[in-house]
Amino acid sequence: MSTDVDDLFTLSGDTMGTRWSVVLAQKPVLAEQLFELLQRAVSRVDMQMSPWIDGSFINRFECAKVDDFVPFERETGEVLNVALRVNLATNGAFNPAVMPAVQAAGYSAKGNDAPAIIIPAFNDLFELQEGAVKKTCDGKIDLCGIAKGYGVDQLADVLTNCGFTDFVASIDGEIVCRGCPPNCEGWQIAIEAPSLDQRKTARTILCTDMALASSGGYRSCILGPQNQTHTINPNSGSPVSEINLTVCVAAETCAEADAWATALTVLGDVKGSEVASAMNKHAYFVKEGNSSREFTKVGLFQ
């Protein structure tokens, strides 16, 4: 997803192997100080949840033995709680215990070093306690399907706490919108079509006071007899092969939207739309065919 930033004030920086960005309807008086606050917020998330950073919660949990207690900071605790809720609501379609399969597919920091693909139930991995988890079985955690969305929530919190009411915060396809730009009723947000060769817009929507996240395997995929995306299906332990699908989810927080977008990508447009409707979620599915484009709309996208 993207937003038009003409005549608005923008700050951006590096995080999670990509870029964060905020677009403000007014220029801040202390732009450098605001940048530092925003960068610090997303860096805290990255330091705790990245499999690429030594000492992160993810890597400390992996190295821990069964019955060990692994401490975490506030941000990780909040993400684990959201992840557990979405895992339960989607019957395991969102499962951060997929790290062995991620490693087997070659998408992790440690490369293809998993001897077998074993994906336990997420809530079997640990007991969540105050400030720590007790590791209850062998396993690894991958929070990449929710960390960027949570990072956007942290950007939005910084801006709100600094008194800003009209802004867009984003990391890749994860976005939080608040208020609106000058003389407009909302922020124009473009939902991308799942195109392999070039960026195309499937639909533009007017947003205010909502979080949006998109998911799709068309940007990072391996084409072949069995197409392979970067999203793992927890039920099969294999990468999702659907490369012509985009899923956009709207929710109260971007962490929740991010996790649900991942789960609905795993489920696909047919089953995913059924689950989203049953759970009163807001989802927009775009499926690219050989000669046509199909849309499935659930909730406020209808």
C-alpha atoms as a PDB file:
ATOM      1  CA  MET A   1       0.000   0.000   0.000  1.00  0.00           C
ATOM      2  CA  SER A   2       1.063   3.590  -0.475  1.00  0.00           C
ATOM      3  CA  THR A   3      -0.117   7.129   0.188  1.00  0.00           C
ATOM      4  CA  ASP A   4       0.211  10.432  -1.692  1.00  0.00           C
ATOM      5  CA  VAL A   5       2.659  12.677   0.200  1.00  0.00           C
ATOM      6  CA  ASP A   6       2.628  15.822  -1.943  1.00  0.00           C
ATOM      7  CA  ASP A   7       2.769  19.086   0.069  1.00  0.00           C
ATOM      8  CA  LEU A   8       3.030  17.207   3.368  1.00  0.00           C
ATOM      9  CA  PHE A   9       5.905  16.775   5.814  1.00  0.00           C
ATOM     10  CA  THR A  10       7.653  13.389   5.817  1.00  0.00           C
ATOM     11  CA  LEU A  11      10.149  11.695   8.131  1.00  0.00           C
ATOM     12  CA  SER A  12      11.641   8.261   7.453  1.00  0.00           C
ATOM     13  CA  GLY A  13      14.391   5.918   8.574  1.00  0.00           C
ATOM     14  CA  ASP A  14      15.679   2.359   8.488  1.00  0.00           C
ATOM     15  CA  THR A  15      14.133  -0.550  10.354  1.00  0.00           C
ATOM     16  CA  MET A  16      13.551  -4.296  10.019  1.00  0.00           C
ATOM     17  CA  GLY A  17      15.452  -4.517   6.751  1.00  0.00           C
ATOM     18  CA  THR A  18      13.276  -1.850   5.144  1.00  0.00           C
ATOM     19  CA  ARG A  19      12.099   1.738   5.816  1.00  0.00           C
ATOM     20  CA  TRP A  20       9.630   3.327   8.187  1.00  0.00           C
ATOM     21  CA  SER A  21       7.860   6.534   7.213  1.00  0.00           C
ATOM     22  CA  VAL A  22       5.505   9.069   8.737  1.00  0.00           C
ATOM     23  CA  VAL A  23       3.590  11.706   6.805  1.00  0.00           C
ATOM     24  CA  LEU A  24       2.346  14.692   8.795  1.00  0.00           C
ATOM     25  CA  ALA A  25      -0.268  17.268   7.881  1.00  0.00           C
ATOM     26  CA  GLN A  26       1.838  19.908   9.645  1.00  0.00           C
ATOM     27  CA  LYS A  27       5.559  20.471   9.986  1.00  0.00           C
ATOM     28  CA  PRO A  28       6.832  19.675  13.492  1.00  0.00           C
ATOM     29  CA  VAL A  29       8.633  22.428  15.371  1.00  0.00           C
ATOM     30  CA  LEU A  30      11.337  20.018  16.558  1.00  0.00           C
ATOM     31  CA  ALA A  31      11.734  17.675  13.593  1.00  0.00           C
ATOM     32  CA  GLU A  32      15.103  16.217  14.614  1.00  0.00           C
ATOM     33  CA  GLN A  33      13.883  15.375  18.101  1.00  0.00           C
ATOM     34  CA  LEU A  34      10.721  13.797  16.674  1.00  0.00           C
ATOM     35  CA  PHE A  35      12.804  11.700  14.286  1.00  0.00           C
ATOM     36  CA  GLU A  36      14.890  10.402  17.196  1.00  0.00           C
ATOM     37  CA  LEU A  37      11.776   9.399  19.147  1.00  0.00           C
ATOM     38  CA  LEU A  38      10.323   7.586  16.138  1.00  0.00           C
ATOM     39  CA  GLN A  39      13.577   5.823  15.290  1.00  0.00           C
ATOM     40  CA  ARG A  40      14.021   4.738  18.894  1.00  0.00           C
ATOM     41  CA  ALA A  41      10.501   3.287  19.002  1.00  0.00           C
ATOM     42  CA  VAL A  42      10.894   1.051  15.941  1.00  0.00           C
ATOM     43  CA  SER A  43      14.464   0.112  16.886  1.00  0.00           C
ATOM     44  CA  ARG A  44      13.202  -1.233  20.213  1.00  0.00           C
ATOM     45  CA  VAL A  45      10.780  -3.493  18.353  1.00  0.00           C
ATOM     46  CA  ASP A  46      13.472  -4.656  15.951  1.00  0.00           C
ATOM     47  CA  MET A  47      16.002  -5.342  18.708  1.00  0.00           C
ATOM     48  CA  GLN A  48      13.520  -7.545  20.545  1.00  0.00           C
ATOM     49  CA  MET A  49      11.829  -9.419  17.702  1.00  0.00           C
ATOM     50  CA  SER A  50      14.345  -9.746  14.881  1.00  0.00           C
ATOM     51  CA  PRO A  51      15.838 -13.185  14.156  1.00  0.00           C
ATOM     52  CA  TRP A  52      18.780 -11.310  12.625  1.00  0.00           C
ATOM     53  CA  ILE A  53      19.897  -9.619  15.843  1.00  0.00           C
ATOM     54  CA  ASP A  54      21.907 -11.459  18.492  1.00  0.00           C
ATOM     55  CA  GLY A  55      20.310 -11.134  21.903  1.00  0.00           C
ATOM     56  CA  SER A  56      16.768 -10.585  20.607  1.00  0.00           C
ATOM     57  CA  PHE A  57      13.952 -12.349  22.426  1.00  0.00           C
ATOM     58  CA  ILE A  58      13.545 -14.587  19.375  1.00  0.00           C
ATOM     59  CA  ASN A  59      17.120 -15.831  19.538  1.00  0.00           C
ATOM     60  CA  ARG A  60      17.199 -16.099  23.330  1.00  0.00           C
ATOM     61  CA  PHE A  61      14.038 -18.212  23.212  1.00  0.00           C
ATOM     62  CA  GLU A  62      15.563 -20.471  20.554  1.00  0.00           C
ATOM     63  CA  CYS A  63      18.672 -21.034  22.667  1.00  0.00           C
ATOM     64  CA  ALA A  64      16.725 -21.663  25.876  1.00  0.00           C
ATOM     65  CA  LYS A  65      16.132 -25.165  27.216  1.00  0.00           C
ATOM     66  CA  VAL A  66      12.728 -26.581  28.083  1.00  0.00           C
ATOM     67  CA  ASP A  67      11.574 -25.229  31.485  1.00  0.00           C
ATOM     68  CA  ASP A  68      13.868 -22.198  31.177  1.00  0.00           C
ATOM     69  CA  PHE A  69      12.373 -18.755  31.787  1.00  0.00           C
ATOM     70  CA  VAL A  70      13.032 -16.234  29.012  1.00  0.00           C
ATOM     71  CA  PRO A  71      12.484 -12.597  30.080  1.00  0.00           C
ATOM     72  CA  PHE A  72      10.966 -10.103  27.665  1.00  0.00           C
ATOM     73  CA  GLU A  73      10.290  -6.376  27.518  1.00  0.00           C
ATOM     74  CA  ARG A  74       6.900  -4.672  27.307  1.00  0.00           C
ATOM     75  CA  GLU A  75       6.746  -4.608  23.510  1.00  0.00           C
ATOM     76  CA  THR A  76       7.382  -8.341  23.151  1.00  0.00           C
ATOM     77  CA  GLY A  77       4.766  -9.145  25.778  1.00  0.00           C
ATOM     78  CA  GLU A  78       2.152  -7.106  23.926  1.00  0.00           C
ATOM     79  CA  VAL A  79       2.988  -8.787  20.610  1.00  0.00           C
ATOM     80  CA  LEU A  80       2.860 -12.285  22.122  1.00  0.00           C
ATOM     81  CA  ASN A  81      -0.600 -11.558  23.535  1.00  0.00           C
ATOM     82  CA  VAL A  82      -1.925 -10.376  20.159  1.00  0.00           C
ATOM     83  CA  ALA A  83      -0.276 -13.326  18.398  1.00  0.00           C
ATOM     84  CA  LEU A  84      -1.908 -15.808  20.775  1.00  0.00           C
ATOM     85  CA  ARG A  85      -5.354 -14.261  20.218  1.00  0.00           C
ATOM     86  CA  VAL A  86      -5.084 -14.322  16.420  1.00  0.00           C
ATOM     87  CA  ASN A  87      -3.600 -17.819  16.476  1.00  0.00           C
ATOM     88  CA  LEU A  88      -6.632 -19.054  18.394  1.00  0.00           C
ATOM     89  CA  ALA A  89      -9.159 -17.094  16.302  1.00  0.00           C
ATOM     90  CA  THR A  90      -7.743 -18.457  13.018  1.00  0.00           C
ATOM     91  CA  ASN A  91      -7.427 -22.042  14.238  1.00  0.00           C
ATOM     92  CA  GLY A  92      -3.664 -21.877  13.784  1.00  0.00           C
ATOM     93  CA  ALA A  93      -3.525 -20.232  10.340  1.00  0.00           C
ATOM     94  CA  PHE A  94      -1.424 -17.567  12.045  1.00  0.00           C
ATOM     95  CA  ASN A  95       1.250 -19.496  13.912  1.00  0.00           C
ATOM     96  CA  PRO A  96       4.560 -17.870  14.913  1.00  0.00           C
ATOM     97  CA  ALA A  97       5.927 -21.356  15.673  1.00  0.00           C
ATOM     98  CA  VAL A  98       6.723 -21.734  11.946  1.00  0.00           C
ATOM     99  CA  MET A  99      10.414 -20.817  12.307  1.00  0.00           C
ATOM    100  CA  PRO A 100      11.683 -24.373  11.505  1.00  0.00           C
ATOM    101  CA  ALA A 101       9.786 -24.249   8.202  1.00  0.00           C
ATOM    102  CA  VAL A 102      11.032 -20.699   7.548  1.00  0.00           C
ATOM    103  CA  GLN A 103      14.586 -21.955   8.031  1.00  0.00           C
ATOM    104  CA  ALA A 104      13.977 -24.982   5.812  1.00  0.00           C
ATOM    105  CA  ALA A 105      12.730 -22.669   3.057  1.00  0.00           C
ATOM    106  CA  GLY A 106      15.897 -20.569   3.399  1.00  0.00           C
ATOM    107  CA  TYR A 107      14.205 -17.358   4.542  1.00  0.00           C
ATOM    108  CA  SER A 108      15.764 -17.048   8.009  1.00  0.00           C
ATOM    109  CA  ALA A 109      18.933 -15.446   9.324  1.00  0.00           C
ATOM    110  CA  LYS A 110      20.408 -18.907   9.812  1.00  0.00           C
ATOM    111  CA  GLY A 111      19.637 -20.145   6.334  1.00  0.00           C
ATOM    112  CA  ASN A 112      18.526 -23.632   5.441  1.00  0.00           C
ATOM    113  CA  ASP A 113      19.605 -25.455   8.587  1.00  0.00           C
ATOM    114  CA  ALA A 114      16.395 -27.080   9.809  1.00  0.00           C
ATOM    115  CA  PRO A 115      16.716 -30.897   9.780  1.00  0.00           C
ATOM    116  CA  ALA A 116      12.939 -31.374   9.796  1.00  0.00           C
ATOM    117  CA  ILE A 117       9.807 -29.276   9.518  1.00  0.00           C
ATOM    118  CA  ILE A 118       7.949 -29.654  12.799  1.00  0.00           C
ATOM    119  CA  ILE A 119       5.417 -26.963  13.614  1.00  0.00           C
ATOM    120  CA  PRO A 120       3.864 -27.269  17.075  1.00  0.00           C
ATOM    121  CA  ALA A 121       0.820 -25.393  18.253  1.00  0.00           C
ATOM    122  CA  PHE A 122       1.916 -21.880  19.203  1.00  0.00           C
ATOM    123  CA  ASN A 123       0.515 -22.037  22.740  1.00  0.00           C
ATOM    124  CA  ASP A 124       2.378 -25.324  23.333  1.00  0.00           C
ATOM    125  CA  LEU A 125       5.735 -23.533  23.056  1.00  0.00           C
ATOM    126  CA  PHE A 126       5.512 -21.538  26.276  1.00  0.00           C
ATOM    127  CA  GLU A 127       3.571 -20.406  29.297  1.00  0.00           C
ATOM    128  CA  LEU A 128       3.108 -16.644  29.221  1.00  0.00           C
ATOM    129  CA  GLN A 129       3.834 -15.015  32.555  1.00  0.00           C
ATOM    130  CA  GLU A 130       4.472 -11.496  33.817  1.00  0.00           C
ATOM    131  CA  GLY A 131       7.635 -10.298  32.115  1.00  0.00           C
ATOM    132  CA  ALA A 132       8.781 -13.720  30.926  1.00  0.00           C
ATOM    133  CA  VAL A 133       7.780 -16.940  29.206  1.00  0.00           C
ATOM    134  CA  LYS A 134       8.502 -20.436  30.448  1.00  0.00           C
ATOM    135  CA  LYS A 135       9.597 -22.584  27.521  1.00  0.00           C
ATOM    136  CA  THR A 136       7.488 -25.731  27.618  1.00  0.00           C
ATOM    137  CA  CYS A 137       8.678 -27.640  24.540  1.00  0.00           C
ATOM    138  CA  ASP A 138      11.382 -27.536  21.910  1.00  0.00           C
ATOM    139  CA  GLY A 139      10.558 -24.972  19.258  1.00  0.00           C
ATOM    140  CA  LYS A 140      11.330 -21.608  17.749  1.00  0.00           C
ATOM    141  CA  ILE A 141       9.333 -18.399  17.305  1.00  0.00           C
ATOM    142  CA  ASP A 142       9.017 -16.173  14.239  1.00  0.00           C
ATOM    143  CA  LEU A 143       7.268 -12.832  14.842  1.00  0.00           C
ATOM    144  CA  CYS A 144       7.923 -11.448  11.343  1.00  0.00           C
ATOM    145  CA  GLY A 145       4.214 -11.783  10.509  1.00  0.00           C
ATOM    146  CA  ILE A 146       3.260  -9.248  13.165  1.00  0.00           C
ATOM    147  CA  ALA A 147       6.344  -7.223  14.167  1.00  0.00           C
ATOM    148  CA  LYS A 148       6.113  -4.646  11.372  1.00  0.00           C
ATOM    149  CA  GLY A 149       2.470  -3.962  12.144  1.00  0.00           C
ATOM    150  CA  TYR A 150       3.298  -3.532  15.817  1.00  0.00           C
ATOM    151  CA  GLY A 151       6.163  -1.240  14.854  1.00  0.00           C
ATOM    152  CA  VAL A 152       3.699   0.993  13.015  1.00  0.00           C
ATOM    153  CA  ASP A 153       1.513   1.085  16.129  1.00  0.00           C
ATOM    154  CA  GLN A 154       4.556   2.302  18.070  1.00  0.00           C
ATOM    155  CA  LEU A 155       5.180   5.063  15.509  1.00  0.00           C
ATOM    156  CA  ALA A 156       1.545   6.125  15.815  1.00  0.00           C
ATOM    157  CA  ASP A 157       1.756   6.143  19.613  1.00  0.00           C
ATOM    158  CA  VAL A 158       4.814   8.420  19.512  1.00  0.00           C
ATOM    159  CA  LEU A 159       3.048  10.869  17.202  1.00  0.00           C
ATOM    160  CA  THR A 160      -0.151  10.847  19.270  1.00  0.00           C
ATOM    161  CA  ASN A 161       1.781  11.372  22.492  1.00  0.00           C
ATOM    162  CA  CYS A 162       3.541  14.337  20.841  1.00  0.00           C
ATOM    163  CA  GLY A 163       0.184  15.940  20.065  1.00  0.00           C
ATOM    164  CA  PHE A 164      -0.169  15.127  16.360  1.00  0.00           C
ATOM    165  CA  THR A 165      -3.683  14.288  15.215  1.00  0.00           C
ATOM    166  CA  ASP A 166      -3.342  14.103  11.412  1.00  0.00           C
ATOM    167  CA  PHE A 167      -0.768  11.649  10.066  1.00  0.00           C
ATOM    168  CA  VAL A 168       0.025   8.377   8.334  1.00  0.00           C
ATOM    169  CA  ALA A 169       2.640   6.017   9.779  1.00  0.00           C
ATOM    170  CA  SER A 170       3.875   3.064   7.763  1.00  0.00           C
ATOM    171  CA  ILE A 171       6.371   0.243   7.374  1.00  0.00           C
ATOM    172  CA  ASP A 172       6.055  -1.383   3.954  1.00  0.00           C
ATOM    173  CA  GLY A 173       2.392  -2.399   3.503  1.00  0.00           C
ATOM    174  CA  GLU A 174       1.451  -1.779   7.143  1.00  0.00           C
ATOM    175  CA  ILE A 175      -0.211   1.583   7.821  1.00  0.00           C
ATOM    176  CA  VAL A 176      -1.916   3.560  10.581  1.00  0.00           C
ATOM    177  CA  CYS A 177      -3.987   6.589   9.538  1.00  0.00           C
ATOM    178  CA  ARG A 178      -5.120   9.283  11.935  1.00  0.00           C
ATOM    179  CA  GLY A 179      -7.195  12.344  11.080  1.00  0.00           C
ATOM    180  CA  CYS A 180      -6.802  13.674   7.547  1.00  0.00           C
ATOM    181  CA  PRO A 181      -4.620  15.959   5.410  1.00  0.00           C
ATOM    182  CA  PRO A 182      -5.610  19.624   4.950  1.00  0.00           C
ATOM    183  CA  ASN A 183      -8.871  20.208   3.086  1.00  0.00           C
ATOM    184  CA  CYS A 184      -9.525  16.470   2.720  1.00  0.00           C
ATOM    185  CA  GLU A 185     -11.882  13.988   4.317  1.00  0.00           C
ATOM    186  CA  GLY A 186      -9.214  11.309   4.702  1.00  0.00           C
ATOM    187  CA  TRP A 187      -5.950   9.857   3.460  1.00  0.00           C
ATOM    188  CA  GLN A 188      -5.889   8.316  -0.014  1.00  0.00           C
ATOM    189  CA  ILE A 189      -4.419   4.823   0.377  1.00  0.00           C
ATOM    190  CA  ALA A 190      -3.693   2.597  -2.621  1.00  0.00           C
ATOM    191  CA  ILE A 191      -4.083  -1.175  -2.342  1.00  0.00           C
ATOM    192  CA  GLU A 192      -1.671  -2.914  -4.674  1.00  0.00           C
ATOM    193  CA  ALA A 193      -2.677  -5.569  -7.143  1.00  0.00           C
ATOM    194  CA  PRO A 194      -0.656  -8.816  -7.026  1.00  0.00           C
ATOM    195  CA  SER A 195       1.436  -8.048 -10.089  1.00  0.00           C
ATOM    196  CA  LEU A 196       4.824  -9.726 -10.563  1.00  0.00           C
ATOM    197  CA  ASP A 197       6.272  -7.400 -13.179  1.00  0.00           C
ATOM    198  CA  GLN A 198       5.253  -3.906 -12.024  1.00  0.00           C
ATOM    199  CA  ARG A 199       3.386  -2.073  -9.294  1.00  0.00           C
ATOM    200  CA  LYS A 200      -0.314  -1.703 -10.039  1.00  0.00           C
ATOM    201  CA  THR A 201      -3.148  -0.263  -7.975  1.00  0.00           C
ATOM    202  CA  ALA A 202      -6.171  -2.482  -7.470  1.00  0.00           C
ATOM    203  CA  ARG A 203      -8.191   0.086  -5.522  1.00  0.00           C
ATOM    204  CA  THR A 204      -7.769   3.414  -3.751  1.00  0.00           C
ATOM    205  CA  ILE A 205      -9.618   3.920  -0.484  1.00  0.00           C
ATOM    206  CA  LEU A 206     -10.187   6.952   1.733  1.00  0.00           C
ATOM    207  CA  CYS A 207      -8.975   6.260   5.272  1.00  0.00           C
ATOM    208  CA  THR A 208      -9.068   8.013   8.604  1.00  0.00           C
ATOM    209  CA  ASP A 209      -8.500   6.630  12.101  1.00  0.00           C
ATOM    210  CA  MET A 210      -7.770   3.047  11.119  1.00  0.00           C
ATOM    211  CA  ALA A 211      -4.955   0.526  10.778  1.00  0.00           C
ATOM    212  CA  LEU A 212      -4.342  -1.370   7.547  1.00  0.00           C
ATOM    213  CA  ALA A 213      -2.026  -4.243   6.663  1.00  0.00           C
ATOM    214  CA  SER A 214      -1.514  -6.085   3.408  1.00  0.00           C
ATOM    215  CA  SER A 215      -0.015  -9.460   2.621  1.00  0.00           C
ATOM    216  CA  GLY A 216       0.860 -11.268  -0.583  1.00  0.00           C
ATOM    217  CA  GLY A 217       3.564 -13.474  -2.002  1.00  0.00           C
ATOM    218  CA  TYR A 218       3.944 -11.714  -5.323  1.00  0.00           C
ATOM    219  CA  ARG A 219       6.852  -9.477  -4.224  1.00  0.00           C
ATOM    220  CA  SER A 220       9.052 -12.204  -2.792  1.00  0.00           C
ATOM    221  CA  CYS A 221       8.544 -15.502  -4.557  1.00  0.00           C
ATOM    222  CA  ILE A 222      10.310 -18.267  -6.416  1.00  0.00           C
ATOM    223  CA  LEU A 223       8.629 -19.363  -9.634  1.00  0.00           C
ATOM    224  CA  GLY A 224       8.721 -22.977 -10.716  1.00  0.00           C
ATOM    225  CA  PRO A 225       6.622 -26.145 -11.013  1.00  0.00           C
ATOM    226  CA  GLN A 226       5.574 -25.395  -7.420  1.00  0.00           C
ATOM    227  CA  ASN A 227       5.646 -21.644  -6.794  1.00  0.00           C
ATOM    228  CA  GLN A 228       7.079 -20.631  -3.431  1.00  0.00           C
ATOM    229  CA  THR A 229       6.301 -17.459  -1.471  1.00  0.00           C
ATOM    230  CA  HIS A 230       7.823 -16.206   1.790  1.00  0.00           C
ATOM    231  CA  THR A 231       4.626 -17.071   3.738  1.00  0.00           C
ATOM    232  CA  ILE A 232       4.538 -20.477   5.431  1.00  0.00           C
ATOM    233  CA  ASN A 233       1.348 -22.523   5.730  1.00  0.00           C
ATOM    234  CA  PRO A 234       1.497 -23.851   9.322  1.00  0.00           C
ATOM    235  CA  ASN A 235      -0.741 -26.800   8.426  1.00  0.00           C
ATOM    236  CA  SER A 236       1.564 -28.172   5.726  1.00  0.00           C
ATOM    237  CA  GLY A 237       4.879 -26.719   6.856  1.00  0.00           C
ATOM    238  CA  SER A 238       5.491 -25.568   3.278  1.00  0.00           C
ATOM    239  CA  PRO A 239       5.553 -22.107   1.687  1.00  0.00           C
ATOM    240  CA  VAL A 240       2.253 -20.845   0.320  1.00  0.00           C
ATOM    241  CA  SER A 241       2.259 -21.247  -3.472  1.00  0.00           C
ATOM    242  CA  GLU A 242      -0.414 -18.634  -4.262  1.00  0.00           C
ATOM    243  CA  ILE A 243       1.445 -15.753  -5.937  1.00  0.00           C
ATOM    244  CA  ASN A 244      -1.514 -13.907  -7.489  1.00  0.00           C
ATOM    245  CA  LEU A 245      -3.317 -12.899  -4.272  1.00  0.00           C
ATOM    246  CA  THR A 246      -3.248  -9.714  -2.193  1.00  0.00           C
ATOM    247  CA  VAL A 247      -5.060  -9.506   1.134  1.00  0.00           C
ATOM    248  CA  CYS A 248      -5.687  -6.176   2.886  1.00  0.00           C
ATOM    249  CA  VAL A 249      -7.083  -6.112   6.427  1.00  0.00           C
ATOM    250  CA  ALA A 250      -8.404  -3.177   8.460  1.00  0.00           C
ATOM    251  CA  ALA A 251      -8.378  -3.418  12.249  1.00  0.00           C
ATOM    252  CA  GLU A 252      -8.128  -1.340  15.412  1.00  0.00           C
ATOM    253  CA  THR A 253      -4.372  -1.901  15.651  1.00  0.00           C
ATOM    254  CA  CYS A 254      -1.823  -2.557  12.939  1.00  0.00           C
ATOM    255  CA  ALA A 255      -0.400  -5.535  14.829  1.00  0.00           C
ATOM    256  CA  GLU A 256      -3.781  -7.243  14.669  1.00  0.00           C
ATOM    257  CA  ALA A 257      -4.266  -6.278  11.016  1.00  0.00           C
ATOM    258  CA  ASP A 258      -0.794  -7.604  10.168  1.00  0.00           C
ATOM    259  CA  ALA A 259      -1.392 -10.964  11.839  1.00  0.00           C
ATOM    260  CA  TRP A 260      -4.819 -11.358  10.255  1.00  0.00           C
ATOM    261  CA  ALA A 261      -3.480 -10.467   6.800  1.00  0.00           C
ATOM    262  CA  THR A 262      -0.895 -13.241   7.162  1.00  0.00           C
ATOM    263  CA  ALA A 263      -3.516 -15.743   8.305  1.00  0.00           C
ATOM    264  CA  LEU A 264      -5.950 -14.890   5.508  1.00  0.00           C
ATOM    265  CA  THR A 265      -3.152 -15.224   2.941  1.00  0.00           C
ATOM    266  CA  VAL A 266      -2.528 -18.735   4.249  1.00  0.00           C
ATOM    267  CA  LEU A 267      -6.235 -19.574   4.074  1.00  0.00           C
ATOM    268  CA  GLY A 268      -6.706 -18.127   0.568  1.00  0.00           C
ATOM    269  CA  ASP A 269      -9.502 -15.970  -0.783  1.00  0.00           C
ATOM    270  CA  VAL A 270     -12.333 -18.524  -0.483  1.00  0.00           C
ATOM    271  CA  LYS A 271     -11.724 -19.949   2.986  1.00  0.00           C
ATOM    272  CA  GLY A 272     -10.166 -16.701   4.166  1.00  0.00           C
ATOM    273  CA  SER A 273     -13.216 -14.618   3.297  1.00  0.00           C
ATOM    274  CA  GLU A 274     -15.448 -17.137   5.089  1.00  0.00           C
ATOM    275  CA  VAL A 275     -13.332 -16.951   8.245  1.00  0.00           C
ATOM    276  CA  ALA A 276     -13.081 -13.142   8.095  1.00  0.00           C
ATOM    277  CA  SER A 277     -16.853 -12.842   7.744  1.00  0.00           C
ATOM    278  CA  ALA A 278     -17.523 -15.284  10.584  1.00  0.00           C
ATOM    279  CA  MET A 279     -15.123 -13.365  12.857  1.00  0.00           C
ATOM    280  CA  ASN A 280     -16.517  -9.924  11.873  1.00  0.00           C
ATOM    281  CA  LYS A 281     -13.206  -8.801  10.375  1.00  0.00           C
ATOM    282  CA  HIS A 282     -12.658  -6.312   7.549  1.00  0.00           C
ATOM    283  CA  ALA A 283     -10.781  -7.814   4.612  1.00  0.00           C
ATOM    284  CA  TYR A 284     -10.258  -7.151   0.923  1.00  0.00           C
ATOM    285  CA  PHE A 285      -8.984  -9.920  -1.366  1.00  0.00           C
ATOM    286  CA  VAL A 286      -7.568  -9.181  -4.814  1.00  0.00           C
ATOM    287  CA  LYS A 287      -6.864 -12.159  -7.053  1.00  0.00           C
ATOM    288  CA  GLU A 288      -5.145 -11.672 -10.386  1.00  0.00           C
ATOM    289  CA  GLY A 289      -6.217 -14.034 -13.178  1.00  0.00           C
ATOM    290  CA  ASN A 290      -4.836 -14.523 -16.678  1.00  0.00           C
ATOM    291  CA  SER A 291      -7.217 -11.971 -18.150  1.00  0.00           C
ATOM    292  CA  SER A 292      -9.245 -10.599 -15.237  1.00  0.00           C
ATOM    293  CA  ARG A 293      -9.060  -9.486 -11.624  1.00  0.00           C
ATOM    294  CA  GLU A 294     -11.360 -10.848  -8.920  1.00  0.00           C
ATOM    295  CA  PHE A 295     -12.336  -9.030  -5.732  1.00  0.00           C
ATOM    296  CA  THR A 296     -13.765 -10.426  -2.495  1.00  0.00           C
ATOM    297  CA  LYS A 297     -14.896  -7.833   0.039  1.00  0.00           C
ATOM    298  CA  VAL A 298     -15.695  -8.416   3.707  1.00  0.00           C
ATOM    299  CA  GLY A 299     -16.853  -5.941   6.352  1.00  0.00           C
ATOM    300  CA  LEU A 300     -16.282  -2.237   5.740  1.00  0.00           C
ATOM    301  CA  PHE A 301     -14.653  -2.951   2.347  1.00  0.00           C
ATOM    302  CA  GLN A 302     -18.057  -3.928   0.907  1.00  0.00           C
END
